[in-house]
């Protein structure tokens, strides 16, 4: 079982690295987009004056 796994990794070494790099790039892009969108939908700060201060 382990020897078959080792052979598979040796045979597809470059494809595994490329797939892992693509997956990490996708996860990073998703995370960055999620953080940017979360900031965008916050309610803006409103400054109101009370009747007492006028």
N, C-alpha and C. Protein backbone atom coordinates (compact mmCIF):
# COMPACT_ATOMS: atom_id res chain seq x y z
N UNK A 1 0.83 -1.19 0.00
CA UNK A 1 0.00 0.00 0.00
C UNK A 1 0.88 1.26 0.00
N UNK A 2 1.83 1.32 0.91
CA UNK A 2 2.71 2.48 0.99
C UNK A 2 3.60 2.57 -0.24
N UNK A 3 4.05 1.42 -0.73
CA UNK A 3 4.92 1.44 -1.91
C UNK A 3 4.16 1.93 -3.15
N UNK A 4 2.89 1.59 -3.25
CA UNK A 4 2.09 2.09 -4.36
C UNK A 4 1.91 3.60 -4.27
N UNK A 5 1.75 4.11 -3.07
CA UNK A 5 1.62 5.54 -2.87
C UNK A 5 2.91 6.26 -3.24
N UNK A 6 4.05 5.69 -2.85
CA UNK A 6 5.34 6.27 -3.19
C UNK A 6 5.54 6.31 -4.70
N UNK A 7 5.18 5.24 -5.38
CA UNK A 7 5.30 5.18 -6.84
C UNK A 7 4.39 6.23 -7.50
N UNK A 8 3.18 6.38 -6.97
CA UNK A 8 2.26 7.37 -7.51
C UNK A 8 2.82 8.78 -7.36
N UNK A 9 3.37 9.08 -6.19
CA UNK A 9 3.94 10.41 -5.94
C UNK A 9 5.14 10.64 -6.84
N UNK A 10 5.98 9.64 -7.03
CA UNK A 10 7.13 9.79 -7.91
C UNK A 10 6.70 10.03 -9.35
N UNK A 11 5.65 9.34 -9.78
CA UNK A 11 5.20 9.45 -11.16
C UNK A 11 4.53 10.80 -11.44
N UNK A 12 3.83 11.33 -10.47
CA UNK A 12 3.06 12.55 -10.69
C UNK A 12 3.54 13.70 -9.81
N UNK A 13 4.82 13.75 -9.52
CA UNK A 13 5.39 14.75 -8.62
C UNK A 13 5.11 16.17 -9.07
N UNK A 14 5.36 16.49 -10.33
CA UNK A 14 5.15 17.85 -10.83
C UNK A 14 3.67 18.22 -10.86
N UNK A 15 2.82 17.27 -11.22
CA UNK A 15 1.39 17.54 -11.25
C UNK A 15 0.84 17.79 -9.84
N UNK A 16 1.34 17.08 -8.86
CA UNK A 16 0.91 17.27 -7.48
C UNK A 16 1.31 18.66 -6.99
N UNK A 17 2.53 19.07 -7.30
CA UNK A 17 3.00 20.40 -6.89
C UNK A 17 2.18 21.48 -7.59
N UNK A 18 1.94 21.34 -8.87
CA UNK A 18 1.15 22.32 -9.61
C UNK A 18 -0.27 22.41 -9.07
N UNK A 19 -0.89 21.28 -8.80
CA UNK A 19 -2.24 21.28 -8.25
C UNK A 19 -2.31 21.91 -6.87
N UNK A 20 -1.30 21.62 -6.04
CA UNK A 20 -1.25 22.22 -4.71
C UNK A 20 -1.06 23.72 -4.79
N UNK A 21 -0.21 24.18 -5.68
CA UNK A 21 0.01 25.62 -5.85
C UNK A 21 -1.27 26.31 -6.35
N UNK A 22 -1.98 25.68 -7.27
CA UNK A 22 -3.22 26.25 -7.78
C UNK A 22 -4.28 26.31 -6.67
N UNK A 23 -4.36 25.28 -5.87
CA UNK A 23 -5.32 25.25 -4.76
C UNK A 23 -5.00 26.35 -3.75
N UNK A 24 -3.73 26.52 -3.41
CA UNK A 24 -3.34 27.57 -2.47
C UNK A 24 -3.63 28.96 -3.04
N UNK A 25 -3.41 29.15 -4.32
CA UNK A 25 -3.71 30.45 -4.95
C UNK A 25 -5.21 30.73 -4.91
N UNK A 26 -6.00 29.71 -5.14
CA UNK A 26 -7.46 29.89 -5.08
C UNK A 26 -7.91 30.23 -3.67
N UNK A 27 -7.38 29.53 -2.69
CA UNK A 27 -7.76 29.81 -1.30
C UNK A 27 -7.32 31.20 -0.87
N UNK A 28 -6.14 31.62 -1.28
CA UNK A 28 -5.67 32.97 -0.95
C UNK A 28 -6.56 34.02 -1.60
N UNK A 29 -6.92 33.83 -2.86
CA UNK A 29 -7.78 34.78 -3.56
C UNK A 29 -9.15 34.86 -2.92
N UNK A 30 -9.70 33.73 -2.54
CA UNK A 30 -11.00 33.71 -1.89
C UNK A 30 -10.94 34.46 -0.56
N UNK A 31 -9.91 34.20 0.22
CA UNK A 31 -9.77 34.86 1.52
C UNK A 31 -9.61 36.36 1.38
N UNK A 32 -8.81 36.80 0.42
CA UNK A 32 -8.62 38.23 0.21
C UNK A 32 -9.92 38.89 -0.25
N UNK A 33 -10.64 38.24 -1.11
CA UNK A 33 -11.92 38.78 -1.57
C UNK A 33 -12.95 38.83 -0.46
N UNK A 34 -12.96 37.82 0.37
CA UNK A 34 -13.89 37.79 1.50
C UNK A 34 -13.60 38.94 2.47
N UNK A 35 -12.33 39.18 2.76
CA UNK A 35 -11.98 40.27 3.67
C UNK A 35 -12.33 41.63 3.07
N UNK A 36 -12.09 41.80 1.79
CA UNK A 36 -12.40 43.07 1.13
C UNK A 36 -13.91 43.31 1.09
N UNK A 37 -14.69 42.30 0.81
CA UNK A 37 -16.14 42.45 0.74
C UNK A 37 -16.74 42.69 2.12
N UNK A 38 -16.16 42.10 3.14
CA UNK A 38 -16.67 42.28 4.50
C UNK A 38 -16.55 43.73 4.94
N UNK A 39 -15.46 44.38 4.56
CA UNK A 39 -15.28 45.79 4.89
C UNK A 39 -16.23 46.68 4.09
N UNK A 40 -16.58 46.27 2.90
CA UNK A 40 -17.40 47.08 2.02
C UNK A 40 -18.84 47.19 2.52
N UNK A 41 -19.36 46.17 3.18
CA UNK A 41 -20.76 46.15 3.57
C UNK A 41 -21.01 46.64 4.99
N UNK A 42 -20.02 47.20 5.63
CA UNK A 42 -20.23 47.78 6.95
C UNK A 42 -21.03 49.07 6.81
N UNK A 43 -21.87 49.34 7.79
CA UNK A 43 -22.65 50.57 7.77
C UNK A 43 -21.73 51.75 8.03
N UNK A 44 -21.85 52.80 7.23
CA UNK A 44 -20.95 53.95 7.42
C UNK A 44 -21.22 54.65 8.75
N UNK A 45 -20.22 55.30 9.24
CA UNK A 45 -20.31 56.02 10.49
C UNK A 45 -21.11 57.30 10.28
N UNK A 46 -22.13 57.52 11.14
CA UNK A 46 -22.95 58.72 11.06
C UNK A 46 -22.76 59.53 12.32
N UNK A 47 -22.57 60.82 12.15
CA UNK A 47 -22.41 61.72 13.29
C UNK A 47 -23.68 62.57 13.37
N UNK A 48 -24.37 62.46 14.47
CA UNK A 48 -25.61 63.20 14.65
C UNK A 48 -25.47 64.14 15.84
N UNK A 49 -26.11 65.27 15.75
CA UNK A 49 -26.11 66.23 16.85
C UNK A 49 -27.42 66.09 17.60
N UNK A 50 -27.35 66.16 18.91
CA UNK A 50 -28.57 66.12 19.69
C UNK A 50 -29.16 67.51 19.78
N UNK A 51 -30.43 67.59 20.13
CA UNK A 51 -31.12 68.87 20.24
C UNK A 51 -30.55 69.74 21.38
N UNK A 52 -29.97 69.09 22.37
CA UNK A 52 -29.43 69.81 23.53
C UNK A 52 -28.18 70.61 23.17
N UNK A 53 -27.40 70.17 22.21
CA UNK A 53 -26.15 70.86 21.89
C UNK A 53 -26.36 72.04 20.95
N UNK A 54 -27.56 72.22 20.42
CA UNK A 54 -27.81 73.34 19.50
C UNK A 54 -28.11 74.59 20.22
